[in-house]
């Protein structure tokens, strides 16, 4: 699931709360959410590197 959706579902859309729970700054979380390539997969924060064919 996209990081944005995970934060909406589990932290009421609060990037700062997600950051505090995961030792990340609010700025870093906002950057990851805005980039749109970060996902939560089986409890792991993942980044999409490239599209495959």
PDB file of N, CA and C in Angstrom:
ATOM      1  N   UNK A   1       0.848  -1.157   0.000  1.00  0.00           N
ATOM      2  CA  UNK A   1       0.000   0.000   0.000  1.00  0.00           C
ATOM      3  C   UNK A   1       0.902   1.231   0.000  1.00  0.00           C
ATOM      4  N   UNK A   2       0.458   2.280  -0.661  1.00  0.00           N
ATOM      5  CA  UNK A   2       1.251   3.508  -0.697  1.00  0.00           C
ATOM      6  C   UNK A   2       1.410   4.067   0.710  1.00  0.00           C
ATOM      7  N   UNK A   3       2.547   4.696   0.954  1.00  0.00           N
ATOM      8  CA  UNK A   3       2.821   5.274   2.268  1.00  0.00           C
ATOM      9  C   UNK A   3       1.727   6.257   2.673  1.00  0.00           C
ATOM     10  N   UNK A   4       1.277   7.081   1.752  1.00  0.00           N
ATOM     11  CA  UNK A   4       0.217   8.053   2.049  1.00  0.00           C
ATOM     12  C   UNK A   4      -1.018   7.345   2.592  1.00  0.00           C
ATOM     13  N   UNK A   5      -1.428   6.259   1.953  1.00  0.00           N
ATOM     14  CA  UNK A   5      -2.607   5.509   2.377  1.00  0.00           C
ATOM     15  C   UNK A   5      -2.388   4.863   3.745  1.00  0.00           C
ATOM     16  N   UNK A   6      -1.180   4.350   3.967  1.00  0.00           N
ATOM     17  CA  UNK A   6      -0.850   3.724   5.252  1.00  0.00           C
ATOM     18  C   UNK A   6      -0.964   4.751   6.389  1.00  0.00           C
ATOM     19  N   UNK A   7      -0.441   5.948   6.152  1.00  0.00           N
ATOM     20  CA  UNK A   7      -0.494   6.999   7.179  1.00  0.00           C
ATOM     21  C   UNK A   7      -1.942   7.436   7.410  1.00  0.00           C
ATOM     22  N   UNK A   8      -2.721   7.552   6.351  1.00  0.00           N
ATOM     23  CA  UNK A   8      -4.140   7.896   6.505  1.00  0.00           C
ATOM     24  C   UNK A   8      -4.870   6.844   7.335  1.00  0.00           C
ATOM     25  N   UNK A   9      -4.591   5.593   7.057  1.00  0.00           N
ATOM     26  CA  UNK A   9      -5.287   4.491   7.722  1.00  0.00           C
ATOM     27  C   UNK A   9      -4.844   4.294   9.167  1.00  0.00           C
ATOM     28  N   UNK A  10      -3.555   4.419   9.433  1.00  0.00           N
ATOM     29  CA  UNK A  10      -3.032   4.058  10.752  1.00  0.00           C
ATOM     30  C   UNK A  10      -2.661   5.236  11.651  1.00  0.00           C
ATOM     31  N   UNK A  11      -2.514   6.423  11.084  1.00  0.00           N
ATOM     32  CA  UNK A  11      -2.100   7.594  11.865  1.00  0.00           C
ATOM     33  C   UNK A  11      -3.005   8.791  11.606  1.00  0.00           C
ATOM     34  N   UNK A  12      -4.233   8.530  11.151  1.00  0.00           N
ATOM     35  CA  UNK A  12      -5.204   9.586  10.855  1.00  0.00           C
ATOM     36  C   UNK A  12      -4.625  10.675   9.963  1.00  0.00           C
ATOM     37  N   UNK A  13      -3.745  10.285   9.045  1.00  0.00           N
ATOM     38  CA  UNK A  13      -3.157  11.237   8.104  1.00  0.00           C
ATOM     39  C   UNK A  13      -2.084  12.128   8.702  1.00  0.00           C
ATOM     40  N   UNK A  14      -1.604  11.808   9.890  1.00  0.00           N
ATOM     41  CA  UNK A  14      -0.644  12.647  10.603  1.00  0.00           C
ATOM     42  C   UNK A  14       0.788  12.173  10.303  1.00  0.00           C
ATOM     43  N   UNK A  15       1.450  12.891   9.392  1.00  0.00           N
ATOM     44  CA  UNK A  15       2.824  12.535   9.016  1.00  0.00           C
ATOM     45  C   UNK A  15       3.771  12.600  10.208  1.00  0.00           C
ATOM     46  N   UNK A  16       3.588  13.593  11.070  1.00  0.00           N
ATOM     47  CA  UNK A  16       4.472  13.759  12.225  1.00  0.00           C
ATOM     48  C   UNK A  16       4.345  12.567  13.178  1.00  0.00           C
ATOM     49  N   UNK A  17       3.127  12.084  13.385  1.00  0.00           N
ATOM     50  CA  UNK A  17       2.922  10.929  14.274  1.00  0.00           C
ATOM     51  C   UNK A  17       3.601   9.689  13.696  1.00  0.00           C
ATOM     52  N   UNK A  18       3.477   9.484  12.399  1.00  0.00           N
ATOM     53  CA  UNK A  18       4.167   8.366  11.752  1.00  0.00           C
ATOM     54  C   UNK A  18       5.675   8.519  11.912  1.00  0.00           C
ATOM     55  N   UNK A  19       6.171   9.718  11.715  1.00  0.00           N
ATOM     56  CA  UNK A  19       7.604   9.984  11.858  1.00  0.00           C
ATOM     57  C   UNK A  19       8.099   9.690  13.266  1.00  0.00           C
ATOM     58  N   UNK A  20       7.368  10.168  14.263  1.00  0.00           N
ATOM     59  CA  UNK A  20       7.771   9.915  15.661  1.00  0.00           C
ATOM     60  C   UNK A  20       7.806   8.425  15.964  1.00  0.00           C
ATOM     61  N   UNK A  21       6.830   7.692  15.465  1.00  0.00           N
ATOM     62  CA  UNK A  21       6.755   6.252  15.729  1.00  0.00           C
ATOM     63  C   UNK A  21       7.865   5.476  15.026  1.00  0.00           C
ATOM     64  N   UNK A  22       8.459   6.086  14.000  1.00  0.00           N
ATOM     65  CA  UNK A  22       9.443   5.360  13.197  1.00  0.00           C
ATOM     66  C   UNK A  22      10.785   6.072  13.105  1.00  0.00           C
ATOM     67  N   UNK A  23      11.051   6.965  14.052  1.00  0.00           N
ATOM     68  CA  UNK A  23      12.333   7.686  14.120  1.00  0.00           C
ATOM     69  C   UNK A  23      12.673   8.409  12.817  1.00  0.00           C
ATOM     70  N   UNK A  24      11.678   9.085  12.249  1.00  0.00           N
ATOM     71  CA  UNK A  24      11.858   9.883  11.043  1.00  0.00           C
ATOM     72  C   UNK A  24      11.382  11.303  11.318  1.00  0.00           C
ATOM     73  N   UNK A  25      12.020  12.274  10.694  1.00  0.00           N
ATOM     74  CA  UNK A  25      11.556  13.651  10.865  1.00  0.00           C
ATOM     75  C   UNK A  25      10.282  13.857  10.050  1.00  0.00           C
ATOM     76  N   UNK A  26       9.488  14.839  10.468  1.00  0.00           N
ATOM     77  CA  UNK A  26       8.267  15.174   9.750  1.00  0.00           C
ATOM     78  C   UNK A  26       8.598  15.573   8.315  1.00  0.00           C
ATOM     79  N   UNK A  27       9.714  16.285   8.147  1.00  0.00           N
ATOM     80  CA  UNK A  27      10.146  16.713   6.819  1.00  0.00           C
ATOM     81  C   UNK A  27      10.462  15.511   5.933  1.00  0.00           C
ATOM     82  N   UNK A  28      11.158  14.522   6.487  1.00  0.00           N
ATOM     83  CA  UNK A  28      11.496  13.324   5.712  1.00  0.00           C
ATOM     84  C   UNK A  28      10.233  12.571   5.305  1.00  0.00           C
ATOM     85  N   UNK A  29       9.285  12.449   6.228  1.00  0.00           N
ATOM     86  CA  UNK A  29       8.036  11.746   5.926  1.00  0.00           C
ATOM     87  C   UNK A  29       7.269  12.496   4.838  1.00  0.00           C
ATOM     88  N   UNK A  30       7.181  13.808   4.950  1.00  0.00           N
ATOM     89  CA  UNK A  30       6.478  14.603   3.940  1.00  0.00           C
ATOM     90  C   UNK A  30       7.120  14.432   2.568  1.00  0.00           C
ATOM     91  N   UNK A  31       8.444  14.420   2.513  1.00  0.00           N
ATOM     92  CA  UNK A  31       9.147  14.228   1.257  1.00  0.00           C
ATOM     93  C   UNK A  31       8.813  12.854   0.659  1.00  0.00           C
ATOM     94  N   UNK A  32       8.802  11.819   1.499  1.00  0.00           N
ATOM     95  CA  UNK A  32       8.500  10.474   1.013  1.00  0.00           C
ATOM     96  C   UNK A  32       7.066  10.377   0.511  1.00  0.00           C
ATOM     97  N   UNK A  33       6.136  10.979   1.238  1.00  0.00           N
ATOM     98  CA  UNK A  33       4.728  10.951   0.833  1.00  0.00           C
ATOM     99  C   UNK A  33       4.550  11.707  -0.480  1.00  0.00           C
ATOM    100  N   UNK A  34       5.149  12.874  -0.590  1.00  0.00           N
ATOM    101  CA  UNK A  34       5.003  13.693  -1.799  1.00  0.00           C
ATOM    102  C   UNK A  34       5.635  13.042  -3.018  1.00  0.00           C
ATOM    103  N   UNK A  35       6.723  12.329  -2.811  1.00  0.00           N
ATOM    104  CA  UNK A  35       7.395  11.655  -3.928  1.00  0.00           C
ATOM    105  C   UNK A  35       6.498  10.571  -4.515  1.00  0.00           C
ATOM    106  N   UNK A  36       5.739   9.897  -3.665  1.00  0.00           N
ATOM    107  CA  UNK A  36       4.761   8.918  -4.131  1.00  0.00           C
ATOM    108  C   UNK A  36       5.314   7.568  -4.536  1.00  0.00           C
ATOM    109  N   UNK A  37       6.574   7.311  -4.272  1.00  0.00           N
ATOM    110  CA  UNK A  37       7.165   6.031  -4.659  1.00  0.00           C
ATOM    111  C   UNK A  37       7.491   5.149  -3.457  1.00  0.00           C
ATOM    112  N   UNK A  38       7.022   5.527  -2.287  1.00  0.00           N
ATOM    113  CA  UNK A  38       7.264   4.749  -1.071  1.00  0.00           C
ATOM    114  C   UNK A  38       6.017   3.942  -0.735  1.00  0.00           C
ATOM    115  N   UNK A  39       6.241   2.697  -0.328  1.00  0.00           N
ATOM    116  CA  UNK A  39       5.159   1.765  -0.035  1.00  0.00           C
ATOM    117  C   UNK A  39       5.443   1.036   1.265  1.00  0.00           C
ATOM    118  N   UNK A  40       4.389   0.525   1.886  1.00  0.00           N
ATOM    119  CA  UNK A  40       4.509  -0.371   3.031  1.00  0.00           C
ATOM    120  C   UNK A  40       4.137  -1.763   2.526  1.00  0.00           C
ATOM    121  N   UNK A  41       5.079  -2.702   2.627  1.00  0.00           N
ATOM    122  CA  UNK A  41       4.868  -4.077   2.175  1.00  0.00           C
ATOM    123  C   UNK A  41       5.268  -5.003   3.315  1.00  0.00           C
ATOM    124  N   UNK A  42       4.316  -5.757   3.834  1.00  0.00           N
ATOM    125  CA  UNK A  42       4.565  -6.696   4.931  1.00  0.00           C
ATOM    126  C   UNK A  42       5.309  -6.033   6.088  1.00  0.00           C
ATOM    127  N   UNK A  43       4.891  -4.813   6.448  1.00  0.00           N
ATOM    128  CA  UNK A  43       5.488  -4.117   7.582  1.00  0.00           C
ATOM    129  C   UNK A  43       6.832  -3.471   7.294  1.00  0.00           C
ATOM    130  N   UNK A  44       7.244  -3.433   6.033  1.00  0.00           N
ATOM    131  CA  UNK A  44       8.519  -2.817   5.655  1.00  0.00           C
ATOM    132  C   UNK A  44       8.272  -1.592   4.789  1.00  0.00           C
ATOM    133  N   UNK A  45       9.045  -0.537   5.027  1.00  0.00           N
ATOM    134  CA  UNK A  45       8.994   0.645   4.186  1.00  0.00           C
ATOM    135  C   UNK A  45       9.862   0.385   2.969  1.00  0.00           C
ATOM    136  N   UNK A  46       9.248   0.432   1.794  1.00  0.00           N
ATOM    137  CA  UNK A  46       9.940   0.099   0.544  1.00  0.00           C
ATOM    138  C   UNK A  46       9.876   1.303  -0.405  1.00  0.00           C
ATOM    139  N   UNK A  47      10.822   1.381  -1.317  1.00  0.00           N
ATOM    140  CA  UNK A  47      10.791   2.400  -2.351  1.00  0.00           C
ATOM    141  C   UNK A  47      10.791   1.712  -3.711  1.00  0.00           C
ATOM    142  N   UNK A  48       9.927   2.217  -4.588  1.00  0.00           N
ATOM    143  CA  UNK A  48       9.892   1.710  -5.955  1.00  0.00           C
ATOM    144  C   UNK A  48      11.061   2.326  -6.703  1.00  0.00           C
ATOM    145  N   UNK A  49      11.907   1.519  -7.254  1.00  0.00           N
ATOM    146  CA  UNK A  49      13.096   2.007  -7.941  1.00  0.00           C
ATOM    147  C   UNK A  49      12.862   2.206  -9.433  1.00  0.00           C
ATOM    148  N   UNK A  50      12.181   1.249 -10.038  1.00  0.00           N
ATOM    149  CA  UNK A  50      11.893   1.387 -11.457  1.00  0.00           C
ATOM    150  C   UNK A  50      10.763   0.457 -11.838  1.00  0.00           C
ATOM    151  N   UNK A  51      10.134   0.788 -12.929  1.00  0.00           N
ATOM    152  CA  UNK A  51       9.069  -0.051 -13.457  1.00  0.00           C
ATOM    153  C   UNK A  51       9.701  -1.179 -14.278  1.00  0.00           C
ATOM    154  N   UNK A  52       9.143  -2.374 -14.149  1.00  0.00           N
ATOM    155  CA  UNK A  52       9.650  -3.502 -14.916  1.00  0.00           C
ATOM    156  C   UNK A  52       8.687  -3.840 -16.053  1.00  0.00           C
ATOM    157  N   UNK A  53       9.219  -4.453 -17.076  1.00  0.00           N
ATOM    158  CA  UNK A  53       8.398  -4.833 -18.243  1.00  0.00           C
ATOM    159  C   UNK A  53       7.999  -6.272 -18.152  1.00  0.00           C
TER     160      UNK A  53
END
